[in-house]
Amino acid sequence: MKPKVAAAEVLIVGQGVAGTLLAWECERAGIPFMLAAGAEGVPAMVSRMAAGIINPVTGRRLVKSWRIEAALPVARAAYFEIESAWGVKVWREMRVRRIFQDERERRTGAEKTARGELAPYAVVAETDGLWIEGAARVDLPQLLASAQERWTRAGRWRLETVNLMVETTRYNLVVDCRGLAGALDPAWAMVPWEFSKGETIELAVSHLPADEIRNSGHWLLPVGKGAAWCGATHSPGVVDATPTLDARKILESSAAQLLRGQHYTVTGHTAGVRVNLPDRHPVAGRHPTVARLGLLNGLGAKGALLAPMLARQWINHLAEGVPFDAAIDVARFATSHRGSP
């Protein structure tokens, strides 16, 4: 059995949604931890600009999100617990109005709802689209800011760039949750990372239903009174986080269509880099040759949904020695390991 961590301290590196949820689960489980928000990851950290949308049915082929039936209840419970413990509001129940982009999507929606493939989230397709129930929005900026404040007061948060291998000599376990910065670290060279730049624009717009996300190629998300976000673009292989004029033009066109002619003003434009794996599953677990080094990464655009479930897997492993789910375990890439860090 792999070594357990009981009273020994854990260092969590990276304070995006993955690192934040892992720290929260450590706190709940009574596992002492320190959280290092690596400064090198801040400019491209996707959690800082991510919409936090949880959508049970996604993609052009209208498929259920991976393990949605298991992940959604865990996510809902985790965010409710955070709200209660921290006195902040981060979870909002939503529904998605999925507007078909073309005849192909319309046929796919009609066929899949008729066969019950999208139940219980979408059961009837209309002429121009379908309603997806059970969606939500996690206010990631609020979540991350509240976490930083909470753990700074507790002396558990610091902002600095760390050397993973040095830290493994100081802590019984170091878990890398840095997203892009972690994926670019030589320690994880065995993992076949994939990257995608995503851009979002912020809008000033009035009279939007507060609980409705509109989606047709891009999404339109109300984020507060008189404010909405529209996104996100997808640029495979791009690892810079600089907003581009081309993406802004595309998103403004989508916003105009989704708002059905309603007036809006662009108030901001952000970009981040998603980290994915070829099998579209996240990755967690211990390094194949360095037992004190762990990983939690590759959540892509589904960080708000998957982070609570993956953090819980880490806690089950630490507290009870439970093996990681083979579908996400970093061990699935161990055969391609190219030497020690």
C-alpha atoms as a PDB file:
ATOM      1  CA  MET A   1       0.000   0.000   0.000  1.00  0.00           C
ATOM      2  CA  LYS A   2       1.198   3.532  -0.740  1.00  0.00           C
ATOM      3  CA  PRO A   3       2.223   5.604   2.289  1.00  0.00           C
ATOM      4  CA  LYS A   4      -0.514   7.490   4.109  1.00  0.00           C
ATOM      5  CA  VAL A   5      -0.481  10.998   5.489  1.00  0.00           C
ATOM      6  CA  ALA A   6      -2.039  11.333   8.933  1.00  0.00           C
ATOM      7  CA  ALA A   7      -0.711  14.146  11.121  1.00  0.00           C
ATOM      8  CA  ALA A   8       2.082  15.112   8.702  1.00  0.00           C
ATOM      9  CA  GLU A   9       1.743  18.322   6.733  1.00  0.00           C
ATOM     10  CA  VAL A  10       0.700  18.505   3.087  1.00  0.00           C
ATOM     11  CA  LEU A  11       1.831  21.272   0.753  1.00  0.00           C
ATOM     12  CA  ILE A  12      -0.715  22.179  -1.939  1.00  0.00           C
ATOM     13  CA  VAL A  13       0.889  24.097  -4.801  1.00  0.00           C
ATOM     14  CA  GLY A  14      -1.483  26.288  -6.815  1.00  0.00           C
ATOM     15  CA  GLN A  15      -4.667  27.984  -5.660  1.00  0.00           C
ATOM     16  CA  GLY A  16      -7.028  27.563  -8.550  1.00  0.00           C
ATOM     17  CA  VAL A  17     -10.266  25.663  -8.081  1.00  0.00           C
ATOM     18  CA  ALA A  18      -8.405  22.327  -7.765  1.00  0.00           C
ATOM     19  CA  GLY A  19      -6.003  23.528  -5.081  1.00  0.00           C
ATOM     20  CA  THR A  20      -8.749  25.383  -3.237  1.00  0.00           C
ATOM     21  CA  LEU A  21     -11.060  22.358  -3.075  1.00  0.00           C
ATOM     22  CA  LEU A  22      -8.212  20.082  -2.024  1.00  0.00           C
ATOM     23  CA  ALA A  23      -7.266  22.500   0.764  1.00  0.00           C
ATOM     24  CA  TRP A  24     -10.900  22.647   1.877  1.00  0.00           C
ATOM     25  CA  GLU A  25     -11.114  18.849   2.012  1.00  0.00           C
ATOM     26  CA  CYS A  26      -7.872  18.725   4.002  1.00  0.00           C
ATOM     27  CA  GLU A  27      -9.321  21.233   6.459  1.00  0.00           C
ATOM     28  CA  ARG A  28     -12.522  19.201   6.823  1.00  0.00           C
ATOM     29  CA  ALA A  29     -10.549  16.002   7.347  1.00  0.00           C
ATOM     30  CA  GLY A  30      -8.207  17.561   9.910  1.00  0.00           C
ATOM     31  CA  ILE A  31      -5.114  17.105   7.738  1.00  0.00           C
ATOM     32  CA  PRO A  32      -2.655  19.977   8.350  1.00  0.00           C
ATOM     33  CA  PHE A  33      -1.754  21.731   5.104  1.00  0.00           C
ATOM     34  CA  MET A  34      -0.036  24.742   3.619  1.00  0.00           C
ATOM     35  CA  LEU A  35      -1.162  26.321   0.352  1.00  0.00           C
ATOM     36  CA  ALA A  36       1.437  27.957  -1.925  1.00  0.00           C
ATOM     37  CA  ALA A  37      -0.152  30.005  -4.706  1.00  0.00           C
ATOM     38  CA  GLY A  38       2.682  29.803  -7.227  1.00  0.00           C
ATOM     39  CA  ALA A  39       3.284  33.293  -8.608  1.00  0.00           C
ATOM     40  CA  GLU A  40       4.339  31.966 -12.001  1.00  0.00           C
ATOM     41  CA  GLY A  41       0.872  30.470 -12.574  1.00  0.00           C
ATOM     42  CA  VAL A  42      -1.208  33.563 -11.846  1.00  0.00           C
ATOM     43  CA  PRO A  43      -1.239  35.230 -15.310  1.00  0.00           C
ATOM     44  CA  ALA A  44      -2.518  32.125 -17.117  1.00  0.00           C
ATOM     45  CA  MET A  45      -4.538  30.511 -14.307  1.00  0.00           C
ATOM     46  CA  VAL A  46      -7.799  29.581 -15.961  1.00  0.00           C
ATOM     47  CA  SER A  47      -9.715  29.500 -12.653  1.00  0.00           C
ATOM     48  CA  ARG A  48      -9.318  33.262 -12.277  1.00  0.00           C
ATOM     49  CA  MET A  49     -11.234  33.929 -15.493  1.00  0.00           C
ATOM     50  CA  ALA A  50     -13.354  30.788 -15.759  1.00  0.00           C
ATOM     51  CA  ALA A  51     -17.121  31.136 -15.763  1.00  0.00           C
ATOM     52  CA  GLY A  52     -17.593  28.292 -13.284  1.00  0.00           C
ATOM     53  CA  ILE A  53     -20.420  26.838 -15.368  1.00  0.00           C
ATOM     54  CA  ILE A  54     -21.596  23.327 -14.541  1.00  0.00           C
ATOM     55  CA  ASN A  55     -23.499  22.032 -17.551  1.00  0.00           C
ATOM     56  CA  PRO A  56     -24.784  18.437 -17.558  1.00  0.00           C
ATOM     57  CA  VAL A  57     -25.006  18.251 -21.391  1.00  0.00           C
ATOM     58  CA  THR A  58     -22.259  19.677 -23.574  1.00  0.00           C
ATOM     59  CA  GLY A  59     -20.634  19.664 -27.004  1.00  0.00           C
ATOM     60  CA  ARG A  60     -21.855  19.637 -30.574  1.00  0.00           C
ATOM     61  CA  ARG A  61     -22.874  15.995 -30.140  1.00  0.00           C
ATOM     62  CA  LEU A  62     -24.971  16.792 -27.045  1.00  0.00           C
ATOM     63  CA  VAL A  63     -23.447  14.312 -24.619  1.00  0.00           C
ATOM     64  CA  LYS A  64     -23.672  14.108 -20.856  1.00  0.00           C
ATOM     65  CA  SER A  65     -20.637  15.510 -19.045  1.00  0.00           C
ATOM     66  CA  TRP A  66     -18.239  12.782 -17.922  1.00  0.00           C
ATOM     67  CA  ARG A  67     -19.512  11.142 -14.722  1.00  0.00           C
ATOM     68  CA  ILE A  68     -22.061  13.884 -14.193  1.00  0.00           C
ATOM     69  CA  GLU A  69     -24.306  11.633 -12.099  1.00  0.00           C
ATOM     70  CA  ALA A  70     -21.511  11.067  -9.554  1.00  0.00           C
ATOM     71  CA  ALA A  71     -19.759  14.427  -9.755  1.00  0.00           C
ATOM     72  CA  LEU A  72     -22.755  16.768  -9.545  1.00  0.00           C
ATOM     73  CA  PRO A  73     -24.030  15.689  -6.093  1.00  0.00           C
ATOM     74  CA  VAL A  74     -20.491  15.830  -4.680  1.00  0.00           C
ATOM     75  CA  ALA A  75     -19.958  19.303  -6.136  1.00  0.00           C
ATOM     76  CA  ARG A  76     -23.280  20.641  -4.880  1.00  0.00           C
ATOM     77  CA  ALA A  77     -22.643  19.320  -1.375  1.00  0.00           C
ATOM     78  CA  ALA A  78     -19.077  20.660  -1.257  1.00  0.00           C
ATOM     79  CA  TYR A  79     -20.019  24.181  -2.328  1.00  0.00           C
ATOM     80  CA  PHE A  80     -22.994  24.256   0.046  1.00  0.00           C
ATOM     81  CA  GLU A  81     -20.661  23.252   2.888  1.00  0.00           C
ATOM     82  CA  ILE A  82     -18.244  26.038   1.938  1.00  0.00           C
ATOM     83  CA  GLU A  83     -21.075  28.562   1.847  1.00  0.00           C
ATOM     84  CA  SER A  84     -22.210  27.524   5.314  1.00  0.00           C
ATOM     85  CA  ALA A  85     -18.709  27.474   6.824  1.00  0.00           C
ATOM     86  CA  TRP A  86     -17.379  30.641   5.201  1.00  0.00           C
ATOM     87  CA  GLY A  87     -20.517  32.771   5.080  1.00  0.00           C
ATOM     88  CA  VAL A  88     -20.239  33.477   1.353  1.00  0.00           C
ATOM     89  CA  LYS A  89     -22.432  32.718  -1.661  1.00  0.00           C
ATOM     90  CA  VAL A  90     -20.698  30.757  -4.432  1.00  0.00           C
ATOM     91  CA  TRP A  91     -23.332  28.355  -5.842  1.00  0.00           C
ATOM     92  CA  ARG A  92     -26.277  29.352  -8.028  1.00  0.00           C
ATOM     93  CA  GLU A  93     -28.735  26.896  -9.552  1.00  0.00           C
ATOM     94  CA  MET A  94     -29.158  27.560 -13.288  1.00  0.00           C
ATOM     95  CA  ARG A  95     -30.636  26.072 -16.412  1.00  0.00           C
ATOM     96  CA  VAL A  96     -29.249  26.203 -19.926  1.00  0.00           C
ATOM     97  CA  ARG A  97     -31.177  27.224 -23.011  1.00  0.00           C
ATOM     98  CA  ARG A  98     -29.284  25.285 -25.678  1.00  0.00           C
ATOM     99  CA  ILE A  99     -30.095  26.885 -29.040  1.00  0.00           C
ATOM    100  CA  PHE A 100     -29.415  24.615 -31.984  1.00  0.00           C
ATOM    101  CA  GLN A 101     -26.766  25.968 -34.351  1.00  0.00           C
ATOM    102  CA  ASP A 102     -27.934  24.006 -37.399  1.00  0.00           C
ATOM    103  CA  GLU A 103     -30.137  21.193 -38.663  1.00  0.00           C
ATOM    104  CA  ARG A 104     -27.631  18.567 -37.602  1.00  0.00           C
ATOM    105  CA  GLU A 105     -27.824  19.674 -33.958  1.00  0.00           C
ATOM    106  CA  ARG A 106     -31.596  19.820 -34.157  1.00  0.00           C
ATOM    107  CA  ARG A 107     -31.749  16.190 -35.355  1.00  0.00           C
ATOM    108  CA  THR A 108     -29.254  15.089 -32.708  1.00  0.00           C
ATOM    109  CA  GLY A 109     -31.286  16.780 -29.977  1.00  0.00           C
ATOM    110  CA  ALA A 110     -34.541  15.273 -31.187  1.00  0.00           C
ATOM    111  CA  GLU A 111     -33.104  11.766 -31.497  1.00  0.00           C
ATOM    112  CA  LYS A 112     -31.311  11.755 -28.159  1.00  0.00           C
ATOM    113  CA  THR A 113     -34.208  13.140 -26.161  1.00  0.00           C
ATOM    114  CA  ALA A 114     -36.591  10.704 -27.854  1.00  0.00           C
ATOM    115  CA  ARG A 115     -34.345   7.824 -26.759  1.00  0.00           C
ATOM    116  CA  GLY A 116     -34.011   9.241 -23.253  1.00  0.00           C
ATOM    117  CA  GLU A 117     -30.229   9.545 -23.547  1.00  0.00           C
ATOM    118  CA  LEU A 118     -30.100  12.993 -21.965  1.00  0.00           C
ATOM    119  CA  ALA A 119     -32.519  12.338 -19.102  1.00  0.00           C
ATOM    120  CA  PRO A 120     -33.021  13.641 -16.498  1.00  0.00           C
ATOM    121  CA  TYR A 121     -31.281  16.818 -17.644  1.00  0.00           C
ATOM    122  CA  ALA A 122     -32.999  17.290 -21.020  1.00  0.00           C
ATOM    123  CA  VAL A 123     -36.131  15.375 -21.937  1.00  0.00           C
ATOM    124  CA  VAL A 124     -37.817  17.284 -24.774  1.00  0.00           C
ATOM    125  CA  ALA A 125     -36.299  18.955 -27.834  1.00  0.00           C
ATOM    126  CA  GLU A 126     -38.135  21.899 -29.335  1.00  0.00           C
ATOM    127  CA  THR A 127     -37.822  23.275 -32.848  1.00  0.00           C
ATOM    128  CA  ASP A 128     -35.013  25.706 -32.060  1.00  0.00           C
ATOM    129  CA  GLY A 129     -33.375  24.116 -29.019  1.00  0.00           C
ATOM    130  CA  LEU A 130     -33.796  22.397 -25.680  1.00  0.00           C
ATOM    131  CA  TRP A 131     -33.718  23.216 -21.986  1.00  0.00           C
ATOM    132  CA  ILE A 132     -30.987  21.617 -19.879  1.00  0.00           C
ATOM    133  CA  GLU A 133     -31.896  21.378 -16.208  1.00  0.00           C
ATOM    134  CA  GLY A 134     -29.575  20.753 -13.261  1.00  0.00           C
ATOM    135  CA  ALA A 135     -26.969  23.289 -14.364  1.00  0.00           C
ATOM    136  CA  ALA A 136     -25.237  25.680 -11.972  1.00  0.00           C
ATOM    137  CA  ARG A 137     -22.698  28.460 -11.761  1.00  0.00           C
ATOM    138  CA  VAL A 138     -19.900  28.498  -9.189  1.00  0.00           C
ATOM    139  CA  ASP A 139     -18.620  32.013  -8.499  1.00  0.00           C
ATOM    140  CA  LEU A 140     -14.940  31.134  -8.798  1.00  0.00           C
ATOM    141  CA  PRO A 141     -13.579  34.658  -8.227  1.00  0.00           C
ATOM    142  CA  GLN A 142     -15.537  34.809  -4.947  1.00  0.00           C
ATOM    143  CA  LEU A 143     -14.478  31.293  -3.990  1.00  0.00           C
ATOM    144  CA  LEU A 144     -10.768  31.909  -4.603  1.00  0.00           C
ATOM    145  CA  ALA A 145     -10.741  35.309  -2.892  1.00  0.00           C
ATOM    146  CA  SER A 146     -12.554  33.971   0.165  1.00  0.00           C
ATOM    147  CA  ALA A 147     -10.214  30.993   0.383  1.00  0.00           C
ATOM    148  CA  GLN A 148      -7.159  33.213   0.181  1.00  0.00           C
ATOM    149  CA  GLU A 149      -8.487  35.477   2.930  1.00  0.00           C
ATOM    150  CA  ARG A 150      -9.444  32.539   5.158  1.00  0.00           C
ATOM    151  CA  TRP A 151      -6.142  30.705   4.917  1.00  0.00           C
ATOM    152  CA  THR A 152      -4.010  33.841   5.018  1.00  0.00           C
ATOM    153  CA  ARG A 153      -5.570  34.631   8.407  1.00  0.00           C
ATOM    154  CA  ALA A 154      -4.845  31.060   9.485  1.00  0.00           C
ATOM    155  CA  GLY A 155      -1.215  31.276   8.351  1.00  0.00           C
ATOM    156  CA  ARG A 156      -1.765  28.567   5.741  1.00  0.00           C
ATOM    157  CA  TRP A 157      -1.453  30.616   2.518  1.00  0.00           C
ATOM    158  CA  ARG A 158       1.606  32.092   0.841  1.00  0.00           C
ATOM    159  CA  LEU A 159       2.376  33.534  -2.584  1.00  0.00           C
ATOM    160  CA  GLU A 160       5.628  32.208  -3.955  1.00  0.00           C
ATOM    161  CA  THR A 161       7.121  30.055  -6.664  1.00  0.00           C
ATOM    162  CA  VAL A 162       8.238  26.698  -5.277  1.00  0.00           C
ATOM    163  CA  ASN A 163      10.569  23.942  -6.385  1.00  0.00           C
ATOM    164  CA  LEU A 164       8.588  20.728  -6.169  1.00  0.00           C
ATOM    165  CA  MET A 165      11.532  18.454  -5.460  1.00  0.00           C
ATOM    166  CA  VAL A 166      12.915  20.720  -2.743  1.00  0.00           C
ATOM    167  CA  GLU A 167       9.504  20.854  -1.089  1.00  0.00           C
ATOM    168  CA  THR A 168       9.277  17.046  -0.989  1.00  0.00           C
ATOM    169  CA  THR A 169      12.169  17.132   1.482  1.00  0.00           C
ATOM    170  CA  ARG A 170      10.181  19.435   3.774  1.00  0.00           C
ATOM    171  CA  TYR A 171       6.664  17.940   3.542  1.00  0.00           C
ATOM    172  CA  ASN A 172       5.396  14.386   3.598  1.00  0.00           C
ATOM    173  CA  LEU A 173       3.360  15.175   0.510  1.00  0.00           C
ATOM    174  CA  VAL A 174       3.427  17.928  -2.124  1.00  0.00           C
ATOM    175  CA  VAL A 175       0.383  18.031  -4.456  1.00  0.00           C
ATOM    176  CA  ASP A 176       0.831  20.025  -7.652  1.00  0.00           C
ATOM    177  CA  CYS A 177      -2.447  21.758  -8.608  1.00  0.00           C
ATOM    178  CA  ARG A 178      -0.974  24.540 -10.754  1.00  0.00           C
ATOM    179  CA  GLY A 179      -2.733  23.904 -14.060  1.00  0.00           C
ATOM    180  CA  LEU A 180      -0.557  25.222 -16.884  1.00  0.00           C
ATOM    181  CA  ALA A 181       2.499  25.877 -14.711  1.00  0.00           C
ATOM    182  CA  GLY A 182       2.300  22.352 -13.328  1.00  0.00           C
ATOM    183  CA  ALA A 183       1.876  20.802 -16.758  1.00  0.00           C
ATOM    184  CA  LEU A 184       5.024  22.575 -17.948  1.00  0.00           C
ATOM    185  CA  ASP A 185       7.075  21.343 -14.981  1.00  0.00           C
ATOM    186  CA  PRO A 186       9.642  18.655 -15.959  1.00  0.00           C
ATOM    187  CA  ALA A 187       8.443  16.520 -13.052  1.00  0.00           C
ATOM    188  CA  TRP A 188       5.321  15.667 -15.085  1.00  0.00           C
ATOM    189  CA  ALA A 189       6.985  15.127 -18.462  1.00  0.00           C
ATOM    190  CA  MET A 190       5.421  11.661 -18.716  1.00  0.00           C
ATOM    191  CA  VAL A 191       1.911  13.084 -18.952  1.00  0.00           C
ATOM    192  CA  PRO A 192       0.724  13.826 -22.533  1.00  0.00           C
ATOM    193  CA  TRP A 193      -0.704  17.257 -21.780  1.00  0.00           C
ATOM    194  CA  GLU A 194      -2.872  19.161 -24.211  1.00  0.00           C
ATOM    195  CA  PHE A 195      -3.572  22.889 -24.023  1.00  0.00           C
ATOM    196  CA  SER A 196      -6.302  25.203 -25.220  1.00  0.00           C
ATOM    197  CA  LYS A 197      -6.507  28.960 -24.876  1.00  0.00           C
ATOM    198  CA  GLY A 198      -9.929  30.330 -24.030  1.00  0.00           C
ATOM    199  CA  GLU A 199     -11.078  33.947 -24.132  1.00  0.00           C
ATOM    200  CA  THR A 200     -14.124  35.608 -22.585  1.00  0.00           C
ATOM    201  CA  ILE A 201     -15.619  39.080 -22.799  1.00  0.00           C
ATOM    202  CA  GLU A 202     -17.438  40.879 -19.997  1.00  0.00           C
ATOM    203  CA  LEU A 203     -20.593  42.819 -20.811  1.00  0.00           C
ATOM    204  CA  ALA A 204     -22.770  45.505 -19.326  1.00  0.00           C
ATOM    205  CA  VAL A 205     -26.325  44.497 -20.217  1.00  0.00           C
ATOM    206  CA  SER A 206     -29.676  44.775 -18.487  1.00  0.00           C
ATOM    207  CA  HIS A 207     -32.794  42.641 -18.071  1.00  0.00           C
ATOM    208  CA  LEU A 208     -31.314  39.147 -18.332  1.00  0.00           C
ATOM    209  CA  PRO A 209     -32.971  36.235 -16.483  1.00  0.00           C
ATOM    210  CA  ALA A 210     -30.677  35.580 -13.524  1.00  0.00           C
ATOM    211  CA  ASP A 211     -30.970  31.786 -13.700  1.00  0.00           C
ATOM    212  CA  GLU A 212     -30.631  31.262 -17.463  1.00  0.00           C
ATOM    213  CA  ILE A 213     -27.474  30.473 -19.420  1.00  0.00           C
ATOM    214  CA  ARG A 214     -27.839  30.779 -23.182  1.00  0.00           C
ATOM    215  CA  ASN A 215     -25.652  28.558 -25.325  1.00  0.00           C
ATOM    216  CA  SER A 216     -25.223  28.342 -29.078  1.00  0.00           C
ATOM    217  CA  GLY A 217     -21.603  27.744 -29.951  1.00  0.00           C
ATOM    218  CA  HIS A 218     -20.648  30.173 -27.180  1.00  0.00           C
ATOM    219  CA  TRP A 219     -22.428  30.779 -23.886  1.00  0.00           C
ATOM    220  CA  LEU A 220     -23.913  33.897 -22.339  1.00  0.00           C
ATOM    221  CA  LEU A 221     -23.851  33.888 -18.537  1.00  0.00           C
ATOM    222  CA  PRO A 222     -25.480  36.506 -16.271  1.00  0.00           C
ATOM    223  CA  VAL A 223     -23.041  37.185 -13.412  1.00  0.00           C
ATOM    224  CA  GLY A 224     -24.831  39.927 -11.510  1.00  0.00           C
ATOM    225  CA  LYS A 225     -27.158  42.863 -11.883  1.00  0.00           C
ATOM    226  CA  GLY A 226     -26.497  44.446 -15.271  1.00  0.00           C
ATOM    227  CA  ALA A 227     -23.507  42.204 -16.041  1.00  0.00           C
ATOM    228  CA  ALA A 228     -22.840  39.110 -18.130  1.00  0.00           C
ATOM    229  CA  TRP A 229     -19.952  37.145 -19.605  1.00  0.00           C
ATOM    230  CA  CYS A 230     -19.773  35.645 -23.090  1.00  0.00           C
ATOM    231  CA  GLY A 231     -17.343  32.896 -24.024  1.00  0.00           C
ATOM    232  CA  ALA A 232     -15.357  30.969 -24.405  1.00  0.00           C
ATOM    233  CA  THR A 233     -13.209  30.574 -27.485  1.00  0.00           C
ATOM    234  CA  HIS A 234     -11.108  27.469 -28.105  1.00  0.00           C
ATOM    235  CA  SER A 235      -7.581  27.771 -29.544  1.00  0.00           C
ATOM    236  CA  PRO A 236      -5.889  24.335 -29.332  1.00  0.00           C
ATOM    237  CA  GLY A 237      -2.197  24.284 -28.548  1.00  0.00           C
ATOM    238  CA  VAL A 238      -1.955  27.958 -27.580  1.00  0.00           C
ATOM    239  CA  VAL A 239      -0.346  28.571 -24.172  1.00  0.00           C
ATOM    240  CA  ASP A 240      -0.235  32.360 -23.887  1.00  0.00           C
ATOM    241  CA  ALA A 241      -2.894  34.201 -21.925  1.00  0.00           C
ATOM    242  CA  THR A 242      -3.013  37.424 -23.915  1.00  0.00           C
ATOM    243  CA  PRO A 243      -6.483  38.528 -25.111  1.00  0.00           C
ATOM    244  CA  THR A 244      -6.716  38.891 -28.899  1.00  0.00           C
ATOM    245  CA  LEU A 245      -8.706  41.168 -31.184  1.00  0.00           C
ATOM    246  CA  ASP A 246      -9.827  38.253 -33.368  1.00  0.00           C
ATOM    247  CA  ALA A 247     -11.374  36.452 -30.393  1.00  0.00           C
ATOM    248  CA  ARG A 248     -13.070  39.633 -29.230  1.00  0.00           C
ATOM    249  CA  LYS A 249     -14.723  40.093 -32.630  1.00  0.00           C
ATOM    250  CA  ILE A 250     -15.958  36.491 -32.610  1.00  0.00           C
ATOM    251  CA  LEU A 251     -17.353  36.803 -29.098  1.00  0.00           C
ATOM    252  CA  GLU A 252     -19.019  40.147 -29.788  1.00  0.00           C
ATOM    253  CA  SER A 253     -20.784  38.568 -32.763  1.00  0.00           C
ATOM    254  CA  SER A 254     -21.953  35.659 -30.601  1.00  0.00           C
ATOM    255  CA  ALA A 255     -23.075  38.013 -27.837  1.00  0.00           C
ATOM    256  CA  ALA A 256     -25.174  40.008 -30.291  1.00  0.00           C
ATOM    257  CA  GLN A 257     -26.914  36.833 -31.485  1.00  0.00           C
ATOM    258  CA  LEU A 258     -27.459  35.454 -27.975  1.00  0.00           C
ATOM    259  CA  LEU A 259     -28.832  38.787 -26.775  1.00  0.00           C
ATOM    260  CA  ARG A 260     -31.252  38.886 -29.722  1.00  0.00           C
ATOM    261  CA  GLY A 261     -30.500  42.483 -30.603  1.00  0.00           C
ATOM    262  CA  GLN A 262     -30.449  43.773 -27.019  1.00  0.00           C
ATOM    263  CA  HIS A 263     -27.926  46.570 -26.456  1.00  0.00           C
ATOM    264  CA  TYR A 264     -24.713  45.760 -24.591  1.00  0.00           C
ATOM    265  CA  THR A 265     -21.309  47.283 -23.912  1.00  0.00           C
ATOM    266  CA  VAL A 266     -18.033  45.352 -23.636  1.00  0.00           C
ATOM    267  CA  THR A 267     -16.431  46.143 -20.278  1.00  0.00           C
ATOM    268  CA  GLY A 268     -13.623  43.588 -20.134  1.00  0.00           C
ATOM    269  CA  HIS A 269     -11.757  40.872 -21.992  1.00  0.00           C
ATOM    270  CA  THR A 270      -9.848  38.003 -20.355  1.00  0.00           C
ATOM    271  CA  ALA A 271      -7.963  34.905 -21.448  1.00  0.00           C
ATOM    272  CA  GLY A 272      -6.674  31.740 -19.815  1.00  0.00           C
ATOM    273  CA  VAL A 273      -5.178  28.382 -20.750  1.00  0.00           C
ATOM    274  CA  ARG A 274      -7.063  25.140 -20.164  1.00  0.00           C
ATOM    275  CA  VAL A 275      -5.119  21.954 -19.463  1.00  0.00           C
ATOM    276  CA  ASN A 276      -6.543  18.693 -20.825  1.00  0.00           C
ATOM    277  CA  LEU A 277      -5.539  15.099 -21.513  1.00  0.00           C
ATOM    278  CA  PRO A 278      -6.066  13.165 -24.767  1.00  0.00           C
ATOM    279  CA  ASP A 279      -8.664  10.889 -23.115  1.00  0.00           C
ATOM    280  CA  ARG A 280     -10.491  13.980 -21.780  1.00  0.00           C
ATOM    281  CA  HIS A 281     -10.206  12.702 -18.213  1.00  0.00           C
ATOM    282  CA  PRO A 282      -8.472  14.660 -15.446  1.00  0.00           C
ATOM    283  CA  VAL A 283      -5.383  13.328 -13.715  1.00  0.00           C
ATOM    284  CA  ALA A 284      -4.628  12.773 -10.033  1.00  0.00           C
ATOM    285  CA  GLY A 285      -2.380  10.547  -7.959  1.00  0.00           C
ATOM    286  CA  ARG A 286       1.207  10.093  -6.840  1.00  0.00           C
ATOM    287  CA  HIS A 287       4.251  10.486  -9.052  1.00  0.00           C
ATOM    288  CA  PRO A 288       5.385   7.073 -10.392  1.00  0.00           C
ATOM    289  CA  THR A 289       8.865   7.360  -8.825  1.00  0.00           C
ATOM    290  CA  VAL A 290       8.574  10.105  -6.186  1.00  0.00           C
ATOM    291  CA  ALA A 291       6.042   8.971  -3.579  1.00  0.00           C
ATOM    292  CA  ARG A 292       5.970  12.347  -1.829  1.00  0.00           C
ATOM    293  CA  LEU A 293       4.926  14.158  -4.993  1.00  0.00           C
ATOM    294  CA  GLY A 294       1.282  14.192  -6.112  1.00  0.00           C
ATOM    295  CA  LEU A 295      -0.796  15.710  -8.893  1.00  0.00           C
ATOM    296  CA  LEU A 296      -4.264  17.152  -9.449  1.00  0.00           C
ATOM    297  CA  ASN A 297      -4.642  18.688 -12.905  1.00  0.00           C
ATOM    298  CA  GLY A 298      -6.194  18.394 -16.359  1.00  0.00           C
ATOM    299  CA  LEU A 299      -9.700  19.496 -15.407  1.00  0.00           C
ATOM    300  CA  GLY A 300     -10.109  21.451 -18.658  1.00  0.00           C
ATOM    301  CA  ALA A 301     -13.268  23.522 -18.814  1.00  0.00           C
ATOM    302  CA  LYS A 302     -14.987  21.442 -16.102  1.00  0.00           C
ATOM    303  CA  GLY A 303     -12.992  22.482 -13.060  1.00  0.00           C
ATOM    304  CA  ALA A 304     -15.978  23.655 -11.019  1.00  0.00           C
ATOM    305  CA  LEU A 305     -17.691  20.292 -11.538  1.00  0.00           C
ATOM    306  CA  LEU A 306     -14.739  17.908 -11.155  1.00  0.00           C
ATOM    307  CA  ALA A 307     -12.569  19.557  -8.490  1.00  0.00           C
ATOM    308  CA  PRO A 308     -14.745  18.513  -5.510  1.00  0.00           C
ATOM    309  CA  MET A 309     -14.872  14.863  -6.618  1.00  0.00           C
ATOM    310  CA  LEU A 310     -11.129  14.704  -7.298  1.00  0.00           C
ATOM    311  CA  ALA A 311     -10.275  16.428  -4.021  1.00  0.00           C
ATOM    312  CA  ARG A 312     -12.418  13.867  -2.213  1.00  0.00           C
ATOM    313  CA  GLN A 313     -10.467  11.063  -3.940  1.00  0.00           C
ATOM    314  CA  TRP A 314      -7.244  12.545  -2.594  1.00  0.00           C
ATOM    315  CA  ILE A 315      -8.658  12.679   0.939  1.00  0.00           C
ATOM    316  CA  ASN A 316      -9.901   9.084   0.736  1.00  0.00           C
ATOM    317  CA  HIS A 317      -6.436   8.067  -0.412  1.00  0.00           C
ATOM    318  CA  LEU A 318      -4.661   9.977   2.354  1.00  0.00           C
ATOM    319  CA  ALA A 319      -6.963   9.004   5.191  1.00  0.00           C
ATOM    320  CA  GLU A 320      -7.823   5.430   4.209  1.00  0.00           C
ATOM    321  CA  GLY A 321      -5.251   4.399   1.600  1.00  0.00           C
ATOM    322  CA  VAL A 322      -7.972   4.082  -1.062  1.00  0.00           C
ATOM    323  CA  PRO A 323      -6.412   3.698  -4.535  1.00  0.00           C
ATOM    324  CA  PHE A 324      -7.153   6.358  -7.126  1.00  0.00           C
ATOM    325  CA  ASP A 325      -9.755   5.665  -9.773  1.00  0.00           C
ATOM    326  CA  ALA A 326      -7.878   4.041 -12.661  1.00  0.00           C
ATOM    327  CA  ALA A 327      -9.563   6.400 -15.146  1.00  0.00           C
ATOM    328  CA  ILE A 328      -7.845   9.409 -13.575  1.00  0.00           C
ATOM    329  CA  ASP A 329      -4.751   7.940 -11.902  1.00  0.00           C
ATOM    330  CA  VAL A 330      -1.470   9.411 -13.135  1.00  0.00           C
ATOM    331  CA  ALA A 331      -0.249   5.800 -13.131  1.00  0.00           C
ATOM    332  CA  ARG A 332      -1.983   5.374 -16.501  1.00  0.00           C
ATOM    333  CA  PHE A 333       0.931   7.358 -17.984  1.00  0.00           C
ATOM    334  CA  ALA A 334       3.709   5.715 -15.941  1.00  0.00           C
ATOM    335  CA  THR A 335       4.967   3.592 -18.847  1.00  0.00           C
ATOM    336  CA  SER A 336       5.923   6.752 -20.719  1.00  0.00           C
ATOM    337  CA  HIS A 337       7.928   8.132 -17.784  1.00  0.00           C
ATOM    338  CA  ARG A 338      11.123   9.670 -19.119  1.00  0.00           C
ATOM    339  CA  GLY A 339      13.382   9.611 -16.091  1.00  0.00           C
ATOM    340  CA  SER A 340      13.223  11.107 -12.604  1.00  0.00           C
ATOM    341  CA  PRO A 341      12.639  14.820 -12.069  1.00  0.00           C
END
